[in-house]
């Protein structure tokens, strides 16, 4: 019975070739409303004053919180093997790069 319950809860996830390549991002802008979080992933290039959003992920507040916990857990695991990740202070970016401002 326990084996049947386990197989009933399995999810078959397919990763297509286009998505498997991934998208490089070195900046994320997070905005939110009362119903969703929007995470825009951006690639900034040195010396170029303009950047495009390369990917946008929209999450419910519950999924955003689960993502935060999963990232925290994975960062802890990474640092236990590879040592602390250093925060690199770079040039300051404006808090609003022309996108929508966060709403509570």
PDB file of N, CA and C in Angstrom:
ATOM      1  N   UNK A   1       0.828  -1.197   0.000  1.00  0.00           N
ATOM      2  CA  UNK A   1       0.000   0.000   0.000  1.00  0.00           C
ATOM      3  C   UNK A   1       0.871   1.260   0.000  1.00  0.00           C
ATOM      4  N   UNK A   2       1.932   1.258   0.821  1.00  0.00           N
ATOM      5  CA  UNK A   2       2.818   2.423   0.886  1.00  0.00           C
ATOM      6  C   UNK A   2       3.498   2.655  -0.456  1.00  0.00           C
ATOM      7  N   UNK A   3       3.889   1.571  -1.156  1.00  0.00           N
ATOM      8  CA  UNK A   3       4.504   1.712  -2.476  1.00  0.00           C
ATOM      9  C   UNK A   3       3.526   2.320  -3.470  1.00  0.00           C
ATOM     10  N   UNK A   4       2.261   1.925  -3.394  1.00  0.00           N
ATOM     11  CA  UNK A   4       1.245   2.475  -4.289  1.00  0.00           C
ATOM     12  C   UNK A   4       1.056   3.966  -4.034  1.00  0.00           C
ATOM     13  N   UNK A   5       1.050   4.374  -2.763  1.00  0.00           N
ATOM     14  CA  UNK A   5       0.900   5.799  -2.433  1.00  0.00           C
ATOM     15  C   UNK A   5       2.080   6.591  -2.959  1.00  0.00           C
ATOM     16  N   UNK A   6       3.296   6.034  -2.843  1.00  0.00           N
ATOM     17  CA  UNK A   6       4.485   6.724  -3.328  1.00  0.00           C
ATOM     18  C   UNK A   6       4.424   6.926  -4.837  1.00  0.00           C
ATOM     19  N   UNK A   7       4.006   5.919  -5.586  1.00  0.00           N
ATOM     20  CA  UNK A   7       3.951   6.056  -7.040  1.00  0.00           C
ATOM     21  C   UNK A   7       2.828   6.986  -7.464  1.00  0.00           C
ATOM     22  N   UNK A   8       1.743   7.051  -6.683  1.00  0.00           N
ATOM     23  CA  UNK A   8       0.651   7.964  -6.995  1.00  0.00           C
ATOM     24  C   UNK A   8       1.094   9.414  -6.860  1.00  0.00           C
ATOM     25  N   UNK A   9       2.054   9.691  -5.987  1.00  0.00           N
ATOM     26  CA  UNK A   9       2.489  11.055  -5.731  1.00  0.00           C
ATOM     27  C   UNK A   9       3.681  11.473  -6.577  1.00  0.00           C
ATOM     28  N   UNK A  10       4.228  10.585  -7.392  1.00  0.00           N
ATOM     29  CA  UNK A  10       5.351  10.937  -8.242  1.00  0.00           C
ATOM     30  C   UNK A  10       4.884  11.833  -9.382  1.00  0.00           C
ATOM     31  N   UNK A  11       5.731  12.765  -9.743  1.00  0.00           N
ATOM     32  CA  UNK A  11       5.445  13.669 -10.849  1.00  0.00           C
ATOM     33  C   UNK A  11       6.489  13.435 -11.925  1.00  0.00           C
ATOM     34  N   UNK A  12       6.042  13.244 -13.133  1.00  0.00           N
ATOM     35  CA  UNK A  12       6.945  13.059 -14.260  1.00  0.00           C
ATOM     36  C   UNK A  12       7.217  14.441 -14.853  1.00  0.00           C
ATOM     37  N   UNK A  13       8.430  14.924 -14.701  1.00  0.00           N
ATOM     38  CA  UNK A  13       8.799  16.258 -15.175  1.00  0.00           C
ATOM     39  C   UNK A  13       9.645  16.126 -16.429  1.00  0.00           C
ATOM     40  N   UNK A  14       9.233  16.822 -17.483  1.00  0.00           N
ATOM     41  CA  UNK A  14       9.965  16.795 -18.741  1.00  0.00           C
ATOM     42  C   UNK A  14      10.745  18.089 -18.905  1.00  0.00           C
ATOM     43  N   UNK A  15      11.993  17.982 -19.312  1.00  0.00           N
ATOM     44  CA  UNK A  15      12.851  19.136 -19.535  1.00  0.00           C
ATOM     45  C   UNK A  15      13.212  19.175 -21.013  1.00  0.00           C
ATOM     46  N   UNK A  16      12.605  20.123 -21.730  1.00  0.00           N
ATOM     47  CA  UNK A  16      12.863  20.244 -23.160  1.00  0.00           C
ATOM     48  C   UNK A  16      14.251  20.805 -23.427  1.00  0.00           C
ATOM     49  N   UNK A  17      14.736  20.594 -24.648  1.00  0.00           N
ATOM     50  CA  UNK A  17      16.090  21.025 -25.002  1.00  0.00           C
ATOM     51  C   UNK A  17      16.280  22.533 -24.869  1.00  0.00           C
ATOM     52  N   UNK A  18      15.301  23.310 -25.304  1.00  0.00           N
ATOM     53  CA  UNK A  18      15.434  24.773 -25.249  1.00  0.00           C
ATOM     54  C   UNK A  18      15.548  25.264 -23.812  1.00  0.00           C
ATOM     55  N   UNK A  19      14.769  24.681 -22.930  1.00  0.00           N
ATOM     56  CA  UNK A  19      14.795  25.100 -21.533  1.00  0.00           C
ATOM     57  C   UNK A  19      16.039  24.550 -20.832  1.00  0.00           C
ATOM     58  N   UNK A  20      16.481  23.369 -21.215  1.00  0.00           N
ATOM     59  CA  UNK A  20      17.633  22.731 -20.579  1.00  0.00           C
ATOM     60  C   UNK A  20      18.906  23.559 -20.734  1.00  0.00           C
ATOM     61  N   UNK A  21      18.996  24.344 -21.798  1.00  0.00           N
ATOM     62  CA  UNK A  21      20.173  25.195 -21.995  1.00  0.00           C
ATOM     63  C   UNK A  21      20.275  26.270 -20.918  1.00  0.00           C
ATOM     64  N   UNK A  22      19.147  26.657 -20.353  1.00  0.00           N
ATOM     65  CA  UNK A  22      19.155  27.665 -19.303  1.00  0.00           C
ATOM     66  C   UNK A  22      19.342  29.067 -19.846  1.00  0.00           C
ATOM     67  N   UNK A  23      19.231  30.021 -18.948  1.00  0.00           N
ATOM     68  CA  UNK A  23      19.396  31.438 -19.269  1.00  0.00           C
ATOM     69  C   UNK A  23      20.333  32.019 -18.221  1.00  0.00           C
ATOM     70  N   UNK A  24      21.415  32.650 -18.653  1.00  0.00           N
ATOM     71  CA  UNK A  24      22.345  33.272 -17.709  1.00  0.00           C
ATOM     72  C   UNK A  24      21.761  34.596 -17.225  1.00  0.00           C
ATOM     73  N   UNK A  25      21.841  34.808 -15.922  1.00  0.00           N
ATOM     74  CA  UNK A  25      21.360  36.053 -15.322  1.00  0.00           C
ATOM     75  C   UNK A  25      22.330  36.469 -14.225  1.00  0.00           C
ATOM     76  N   UNK A  26      22.613  37.782 -14.161  1.00  0.00           N
ATOM     77  CA  UNK A  26      23.439  38.283 -13.069  1.00  0.00           C
ATOM     78  C   UNK A  26      22.713  39.371 -12.276  1.00  0.00           C
ATOM     79  N   UNK A  27      21.404  39.453 -12.484  1.00  0.00           N
ATOM     80  CA  UNK A  27      20.573  40.387 -11.717  1.00  0.00           C
ATOM     81  C   UNK A  27      19.150  39.866 -11.712  1.00  0.00           C
ATOM     82  N   UNK A  28      18.510  39.922 -10.561  1.00  0.00           N
ATOM     83  CA  UNK A  28      17.099  39.567 -10.458  1.00  0.00           C
ATOM     84  C   UNK A  28      16.367  40.724  -9.793  1.00  0.00           C
ATOM     85  N   UNK A  29      15.254  41.096 -10.378  1.00  0.00           N
ATOM     86  CA  UNK A  29      14.396  42.131  -9.818  1.00  0.00           C
ATOM     87  C   UNK A  29      13.110  41.437  -9.370  1.00  0.00           C
ATOM     88  N   UNK A  30      12.740  41.641  -8.123  1.00  0.00           N
ATOM     89  CA  UNK A  30      11.548  40.982  -7.581  1.00  0.00           C
ATOM     90  C   UNK A  30      10.519  42.038  -7.227  1.00  0.00           C
ATOM     91  N   UNK A  31       9.326  41.873  -7.768  1.00  0.00           N
ATOM     92  CA  UNK A  31       8.202  42.743  -7.427  1.00  0.00           C
ATOM     93  C   UNK A  31       7.054  41.848  -6.969  1.00  0.00           C
ATOM     94  N   UNK A  32       6.084  42.436  -6.314  1.00  0.00           N
ATOM     95  CA  UNK A  32       4.962  41.617  -5.852  1.00  0.00           C
ATOM     96  C   UNK A  32       3.682  42.439  -5.723  1.00  0.00           C
ATOM     97  N   UNK A  33       2.588  41.735  -5.794  1.00  0.00           N
ATOM     98  CA  UNK A  33       1.276  42.294  -5.481  1.00  0.00           C
ATOM     99  C   UNK A  33       0.726  41.443  -4.340  1.00  0.00           C
ATOM    100  N   UNK A  34      -0.510  41.612  -4.014  1.00  0.00           N
ATOM    101  CA  UNK A  34      -1.061  40.811  -2.916  1.00  0.00           C
ATOM    102  C   UNK A  34      -1.312  39.365  -3.343  1.00  0.00           C
ATOM    103  N   UNK A  35      -1.247  39.058  -4.627  1.00  0.00           N
ATOM    104  CA  UNK A  35      -1.535  37.696  -5.087  1.00  0.00           C
ATOM    105  C   UNK A  35      -0.367  36.973  -5.740  1.00  0.00           C
ATOM    106  N   UNK A  36       0.711  37.694  -6.096  1.00  0.00           N
ATOM    107  CA  UNK A  36       1.800  37.023  -6.791  1.00  0.00           C
ATOM    108  C   UNK A  36       3.128  37.748  -6.633  1.00  0.00           C
ATOM    109  N   UNK A  37       4.192  36.985  -6.804  1.00  0.00           N
ATOM    110  CA  UNK A  37       5.553  37.504  -6.863  1.00  0.00           C
ATOM    111  C   UNK A  37       6.018  37.360  -8.302  1.00  0.00           C
ATOM    112  N   UNK A  38       6.677  38.388  -8.817  1.00  0.00           N
ATOM    113  CA  UNK A  38       7.218  38.359 -10.170  1.00  0.00           C
ATOM    114  C   UNK A  38       8.731  38.515 -10.055  1.00  0.00           C
ATOM    115  N   UNK A  39       9.457  37.534 -10.591  1.00  0.00           N
ATOM    116  CA  UNK A  39      10.920  37.563 -10.566  1.00  0.00           C
ATOM    117  C   UNK A  39      11.403  37.709 -12.006  1.00  0.00           C
ATOM    118  N   UNK A  40      12.006  38.851 -12.299  1.00  0.00           N
ATOM    119  CA  UNK A  40      12.587  39.103 -13.613  1.00  0.00           C
ATOM    120  C   UNK A  40      14.084  38.846 -13.532  1.00  0.00           C
ATOM    121  N   UNK A  41      14.576  37.961 -14.400  1.00  0.00           N
ATOM    122  CA  UNK A  41      15.995  37.643 -14.460  1.00  0.00           C
ATOM    123  C   UNK A  41      16.600  38.419 -15.621  1.00  0.00           C
ATOM    124  N   UNK A  42      17.668  39.159 -15.326  1.00  0.00           N
ATOM    125  CA  UNK A  42      18.265  40.102 -16.259  1.00  0.00           C
ATOM    126  C   UNK A  42      19.746  39.793 -16.420  1.00  0.00           C
ATOM    127  N   UNK A  43      20.280  40.059 -17.610  1.00  0.00           N
ATOM    128  CA  UNK A  43      21.716  39.933 -17.844  1.00  0.00           C
ATOM    129  C   UNK A  43      22.262  41.331 -18.110  1.00  0.00           C
ATOM    130  N   UNK A  44      23.073  41.827 -17.170  1.00  0.00           N
ATOM    131  CA  UNK A  44      23.746  43.118 -17.345  1.00  0.00           C
ATOM    132  C   UNK A  44      25.111  42.875 -17.966  1.00  0.00           C
ATOM    133  N   UNK A  45      25.450  43.680 -18.957  1.00  0.00           N
ATOM    134  CA  UNK A  45      26.760  43.574 -19.587  1.00  0.00           C
ATOM    135  C   UNK A  45      27.576  44.805 -19.218  1.00  0.00           C
ATOM    136  N   UNK A  46      28.862  44.634 -18.914  1.00  0.00           N
ATOM    137  CA  UNK A  46      29.705  45.771 -18.537  1.00  0.00           C
ATOM    138  C   UNK A  46      29.734  46.834 -19.630  1.00  0.00           C
ATOM    139  N   UNK A  47      29.571  48.069 -19.227  1.00  0.00           N
ATOM    140  CA  UNK A  47      29.664  49.187 -20.150  1.00  0.00           C
ATOM    141  C   UNK A  47      28.440  49.399 -21.026  1.00  0.00           C
ATOM    142  N   UNK A  48      27.415  48.579 -20.866  1.00  0.00           N
ATOM    143  CA  UNK A  48      26.195  48.726 -21.660  1.00  0.00           C
ATOM    144  C   UNK A  48      25.099  49.253 -20.736  1.00  0.00           C
ATOM    145  N   UNK A  49      24.569  50.445 -21.027  1.00  0.00           N
ATOM    146  CA  UNK A  49      23.605  51.058 -20.109  1.00  0.00           C
ATOM    147  C   UNK A  49      22.197  50.467 -20.191  1.00  0.00           C
ATOM    148  N   UNK A  50      21.979  49.531 -21.113  1.00  0.00           N
ATOM    149  CA  UNK A  50      20.649  48.957 -21.293  1.00  0.00           C
ATOM    150  C   UNK A  50      20.727  47.444 -21.090  1.00  0.00           C
ATOM    151  N   UNK A  51      19.690  46.882 -20.477  1.00  0.00           N
ATOM    152  CA  UNK A  51      19.645  45.438 -20.269  1.00  0.00           C
ATOM    153  C   UNK A  51      18.223  44.955 -20.518  1.00  0.00           C
ATOM    154  N   UNK A  52      18.105  43.707 -20.956  1.00  0.00           N
ATOM    155  CA  UNK A  52      16.800  43.121 -21.214  1.00  0.00           C
ATOM    156  C   UNK A  52      16.492  42.045 -20.186  1.00  0.00           C
ATOM    157  N   UNK A  53      15.210  41.927 -19.875  1.00  0.00           N
ATOM    158  CA  UNK A  53      14.757  40.802 -19.060  1.00  0.00           C
ATOM    159  C   UNK A  53      14.877  39.559 -19.932  1.00  0.00           C
ATOM    160  N   UNK A  54      15.587  38.556 -19.439  1.00  0.00           N
ATOM    161  CA  UNK A  54      15.800  37.326 -20.193  1.00  0.00           C
ATOM    162  C   UNK A  54      14.781  36.255 -19.852  1.00  0.00           C
ATOM    163  N   UNK A  55      14.222  36.350 -18.639  1.00  0.00           N
ATOM    164  CA  UNK A  55      13.237  35.370 -18.220  1.00  0.00           C
ATOM    165  C   UNK A  55      12.403  35.967 -17.098  1.00  0.00           C
ATOM    166  N   UNK A  56      11.135  35.614 -17.052  1.00  0.00           N
ATOM    167  CA  UNK A  56      10.244  36.082 -15.988  1.00  0.00           C
ATOM    168  C   UNK A  56       9.544  34.870 -15.392  1.00  0.00           C
ATOM    169  N   UNK A  57       9.552  34.791 -14.063  1.00  0.00           N
ATOM    170  CA  UNK A  57       8.863  33.719 -13.355  1.00  0.00           C
ATOM    171  C   UNK A  57       7.842  34.364 -12.429  1.00  0.00           C
ATOM    172  N   UNK A  58       6.599  33.892 -12.506  1.00  0.00           N
ATOM    173  CA  UNK A  58       5.523  34.418 -11.675  1.00  0.00           C
ATOM    174  C   UNK A  58       5.113  33.322 -10.698  1.00  0.00           C
ATOM    175  N   UNK A  59       5.105  33.662  -9.419  1.00  0.00           N
ATOM    176  CA  UNK A  59       4.845  32.689  -8.356  1.00  0.00           C
ATOM    177  C   UNK A  59       3.731  33.164  -7.433  1.00  0.00           C
ATOM    178  N   UNK A  60       3.021  32.220  -6.857  1.00  0.00           N
ATOM    179  CA  UNK A  60       2.106  32.568  -5.773  1.00  0.00           C
ATOM    180  C   UNK A  60       2.956  32.888  -4.539  1.00  0.00           C
ATOM    181  N   UNK A  61       2.422  33.608  -3.569  1.00  0.00           N
ATOM    182  CA  UNK A  61       3.200  33.865  -2.347  1.00  0.00           C
ATOM    183  C   UNK A  61       3.677  32.574  -1.666  1.00  0.00           C
ATOM    184  N   UNK A  62       2.836  31.541  -1.681  1.00  0.00           N
ATOM    185  CA  UNK A  62       3.216  30.268  -1.057  1.00  0.00           C
ATOM    186  C   UNK A  62       4.401  29.634  -1.789  1.00  0.00           C
ATOM    187  N   UNK A  63       4.385  29.656  -3.115  1.00  0.00           N
ATOM    188  CA  UNK A  63       5.500  29.088  -3.872  1.00  0.00           C
ATOM    189  C   UNK A  63       6.759  29.932  -3.727  1.00  0.00           C
ATOM    190  N   UNK A  64       6.605  31.252  -3.626  1.00  0.00           N
ATOM    191  CA  UNK A  64       7.767  32.118  -3.420  1.00  0.00           C
ATOM    192  C   UNK A  64       8.441  31.769  -2.092  1.00  0.00           C
ATOM    193  N   UNK A  65       7.633  31.526  -1.067  1.00  0.00           N
ATOM    194  CA  UNK A  65       8.203  31.182   0.243  1.00  0.00           C
ATOM    195  C   UNK A  65       8.881  29.812   0.188  1.00  0.00           C
ATOM    196  N   UNK A  66       8.284  28.854  -0.518  1.00  0.00           N
ATOM    197  CA  UNK A  66       8.915  27.534  -0.676  1.00  0.00           C
ATOM    198  C   UNK A  66      10.236  27.659  -1.433  1.00  0.00           C
ATOM    199  N   UNK A  67      10.263  28.512  -2.457  1.00  0.00           N
ATOM    200  CA  UNK A  67      11.499  28.735  -3.214  1.00  0.00           C
ATOM    201  C   UNK A  67      12.576  29.331  -2.314  1.00  0.00           C
ATOM    202  N   UNK A  68      12.186  30.313  -1.481  1.00  0.00           N
ATOM    203  CA  UNK A  68      13.150  30.921  -0.567  1.00  0.00           C
ATOM    204  C   UNK A  68      13.741  29.868   0.380  1.00  0.00           C
ATOM    205  N   UNK A  69      12.901  29.002   0.922  1.00  0.00           N
ATOM    206  CA  UNK A  69      13.387  27.955   1.835  1.00  0.00           C
ATOM    207  C   UNK A  69      14.284  26.962   1.104  1.00  0.00           C
ATOM    208  N   UNK A  70      13.915  26.602  -0.125  1.00  0.00           N
ATOM    209  CA  UNK A  70      14.727  25.659  -0.894  1.00  0.00           C
ATOM    210  C   UNK A  70      16.082  26.268  -1.250  1.00  0.00           C
ATOM    211  N   UNK A  71      16.111  27.548  -1.622  1.00  0.00           N
ATOM    212  CA  UNK A  71      17.380  28.222  -1.909  1.00  0.00           C
ATOM    213  C   UNK A  71      18.258  28.279  -0.665  1.00  0.00           C
ATOM    214  N   UNK A  72      17.649  28.621   0.472  1.00  0.00           N
ATOM    215  CA  UNK A  72      18.409  28.688   1.720  1.00  0.00           C
ATOM    216  C   UNK A  72      19.017  27.326   2.048  1.00  0.00           C
ATOM    217  N   UNK A  73      18.243  26.260   1.893  1.00  0.00           N
ATOM    218  CA  UNK A  73      18.730  24.908   2.169  1.00  0.00           C
ATOM    219  C   UNK A  73      19.861  24.539   1.206  1.00  0.00           C
ATOM    220  N   UNK A  74      19.689  24.830  -0.069  1.00  0.00           N
ATOM    221  CA  UNK A  74      20.713  24.482  -1.052  1.00  0.00           C
ATOM    222  C   UNK A  74      21.979  25.308  -0.884  1.00  0.00           C
ATOM    223  N   UNK A  75      21.849  26.562  -0.518  1.00  0.00           N
ATOM    224  CA  UNK A  75      23.033  27.389  -0.261  1.00  0.00           C
ATOM    225  C   UNK A  75      23.798  26.846   0.941  1.00  0.00           C
ATOM    226  N   UNK A  76      23.079  26.441   1.983  1.00  0.00           N
ATOM    227  CA  UNK A  76      23.744  25.843   3.157  1.00  0.00           C
ATOM    228  C   UNK A  76      24.505  24.587   2.770  1.00  0.00           C
ATOM    229  N   UNK A  77      23.893  23.745   1.963  1.00  0.00           N
ATOM    230  CA  UNK A  77      24.554  22.506   1.518  1.00  0.00           C
ATOM    231  C   UNK A  77      25.779  22.829   0.661  1.00  0.00           C
ATOM    232  N   UNK A  78      25.654  23.792  -0.245  1.00  0.00           N
ATOM    233  CA  UNK A  78      26.772  24.205  -1.092  1.00  0.00           C
ATOM    234  C   UNK A  78      27.929  24.704  -0.233  1.00  0.00           C
ATOM    235  N   UNK A  79      27.620  25.593   0.722  1.00  0.00           N
ATOM    236  CA  UNK A  79      28.675  26.175   1.554  1.00  0.00           C
ATOM    237  C   UNK A  79      29.320  25.148   2.475  1.00  0.00           C
ATOM    238  N   UNK A  80      28.591  24.115   2.871  1.00  0.00           N
ATOM    239  CA  UNK A  80      29.196  23.084   3.722  1.00  0.00           C
ATOM    240  C   UNK A  80      30.255  22.289   2.955  1.00  0.00           C
ATOM    241  N   UNK A  81      30.130  22.231   1.635  1.00  0.00           N
ATOM    242  CA  UNK A  81      31.104  21.522   0.798  1.00  0.00           C
ATOM    243  C   UNK A  81      32.188  22.462   0.280  1.00  0.00           C
ATOM    244  N   UNK A  82      31.794  23.659  -0.177  1.00  0.00           N
ATOM    245  CA  UNK A  82      32.702  24.558  -0.890  1.00  0.00           C
ATOM    246  C   UNK A  82      33.151  25.778  -0.084  1.00  0.00           C
ATOM    247  N   UNK A  83      32.652  25.935   1.110  1.00  0.00           N
ATOM    248  CA  UNK A  83      32.987  27.108   1.913  1.00  0.00           C
ATOM    249  C   UNK A  83      32.003  28.240   1.656  1.00  0.00           C
ATOM    250  N   UNK A  84      32.108  29.286   2.476  1.00  0.00           N
ATOM    251  CA  UNK A  84      31.151  30.391   2.370  1.00  0.00           C
ATOM    252  C   UNK A  84      31.192  31.088   1.015  1.00  0.00           C
ATOM    253  N   UNK A  85      30.030  31.471   0.546  1.00  0.00           N
ATOM    254  CA  UNK A  85      29.918  32.279  -0.666  1.00  0.00           C
ATOM    255  C   UNK A  85      30.147  33.720  -0.232  1.00  0.00           C
ATOM    256  N   UNK A  86      31.102  34.380  -0.863  1.00  0.00           N
ATOM    257  CA  UNK A  86      31.422  35.759  -0.497  1.00  0.00           C
ATOM    258  C   UNK A  86      30.470  36.720  -1.189  1.00  0.00           C
ATOM    259  N   UNK A  87      29.967  37.675  -0.429  1.00  0.00           N
ATOM    260  CA  UNK A  87      29.187  38.752  -1.021  1.00  0.00           C
ATOM    261  C   UNK A  87      30.162  39.724  -1.650  1.00  0.00           C
ATOM    262  N   UNK A  88      30.012  39.983  -2.938  1.00  0.00           N
ATOM    263  CA  UNK A  88      30.877  40.919  -3.634  1.00  0.00           C
ATOM    264  C   UNK A  88      30.121  42.226  -3.782  1.00  0.00           C
ATOM    265  N   UNK A  89      30.683  43.265  -3.226  1.00  0.00           N
ATOM    266  CA  UNK A  89      30.065  44.584  -3.344  1.00  0.00           C
ATOM    267  C   UNK A  89      30.430  45.172  -4.694  1.00  0.00           C
ATOM    268  N   UNK A  90      29.436  45.366  -5.512  1.00  0.00           N
ATOM    269  CA  UNK A  90      29.660  45.958  -6.822  1.00  0.00           C
ATOM    270  C   UNK A  90      29.131  47.373  -6.835  1.00  0.00           C
ATOM    271  N   UNK A  91      29.163  47.983  -8.001  1.00  0.00           N
ATOM    272  CA  UNK A  91      28.618  49.334  -8.099  1.00  0.00           C
ATOM    273  C   UNK A  91      27.124  49.306  -7.781  1.00  0.00           C
ATOM    274  N   UNK A  92      26.669  50.334  -7.109  1.00  0.00           N
ATOM    275  CA  UNK A  92      25.267  50.392  -6.730  1.00  0.00           C
ATOM    276  C   UNK A  92      24.368  50.516  -7.941  1.00  0.00           C
ATOM    277  N   UNK A  93      23.275  49.809  -7.908  1.00  0.00           N
ATOM    278  CA  UNK A  93      22.275  49.885  -8.956  1.00  0.00           C
ATOM    279  C   UNK A  93      21.069  50.630  -8.411  1.00  0.00           C
ATOM    280  N   UNK A  94      20.371  51.348  -9.259  1.00  0.00           N
ATOM    281  CA  UNK A  94      19.149  51.981  -8.772  1.00  0.00           C
ATOM    282  C   UNK A  94      18.155  50.912  -8.346  1.00  0.00           C
ATOM    283  N   UNK A  95      17.405  51.193  -7.312  1.00  0.00           N
ATOM    284  CA  UNK A  95      16.449  50.210  -6.808  1.00  0.00           C
ATOM    285  C   UNK A  95      15.327  49.964  -7.807  1.00  0.00           C
ATOM    286  N   UNK A  96      14.997  50.914  -8.621  1.00  0.00           N
ATOM    287  CA  UNK A  96      13.950  50.738  -9.610  1.00  0.00           C
ATOM    288  C   UNK A  96      14.562  51.002 -10.986  1.00  0.00           C
ATOM    289  N   UNK A  97      14.699  49.953 -11.770  1.00  0.00           N
ATOM    290  CA  UNK A  97      15.307  50.090 -13.086  1.00  0.00           C
ATOM    291  C   UNK A  97      14.269  50.317 -14.168  1.00  0.00           C
ATOM    292  N   UNK A  98      13.204  51.005 -13.812  1.00  0.00           N
ATOM    293  CA  UNK A  98      12.188  51.300 -14.795  1.00  0.00           C
ATOM    294  C   UNK A  98      11.028  50.328 -14.787  1.00  0.00           C
ATOM    295  N   UNK A  99      11.106  49.299 -13.969  1.00  0.00           N
ATOM    296  CA  UNK A  99      10.027  48.324 -13.896  1.00  0.00           C
ATOM    297  C   UNK A  99       8.998  48.737 -12.861  1.00  0.00           C
ATOM    298  N   UNK A 100       7.994  47.906 -12.659  1.00  0.00           N
ATOM    299  CA  UNK A 100       6.967  48.235 -11.673  1.00  0.00           C
ATOM    300  C   UNK A 100       7.537  48.183 -10.266  1.00  0.00           C
ATOM    301  N   UNK A 101       7.012  49.001  -9.395  1.00  0.00           N
ATOM    302  CA  UNK A 101       7.461  48.992  -8.008  1.00  0.00           C
ATOM    303  C   UNK A 101       6.647  47.961  -7.238  1.00  0.00           C
ATOM    304  N   UNK A 102       7.229  47.449  -6.176  1.00  0.00           N
ATOM    305  CA  UNK A 102       6.574  46.435  -5.369  1.00  0.00           C
ATOM    306  C   UNK A 102       5.333  47.013  -4.702  1.00  0.00           C
ATOM    307  N   UNK A 103       4.325  46.183  -4.588  1.00  0.00           N
ATOM    308  CA  UNK A 103       3.093  46.566  -3.918  1.00  0.00           C
ATOM    309  C   UNK A 103       2.787  45.543  -2.853  1.00  0.00           C
ATOM    310  N   UNK A 104       2.309  45.988  -1.721  1.00  0.00           N
ATOM    311  CA  UNK A 104       1.952  45.049  -0.653  1.00  0.00           C
ATOM    312  C   UNK A 104       0.479  44.741  -0.695  1.00  0.00           C
TER     313      UNK A 104
END
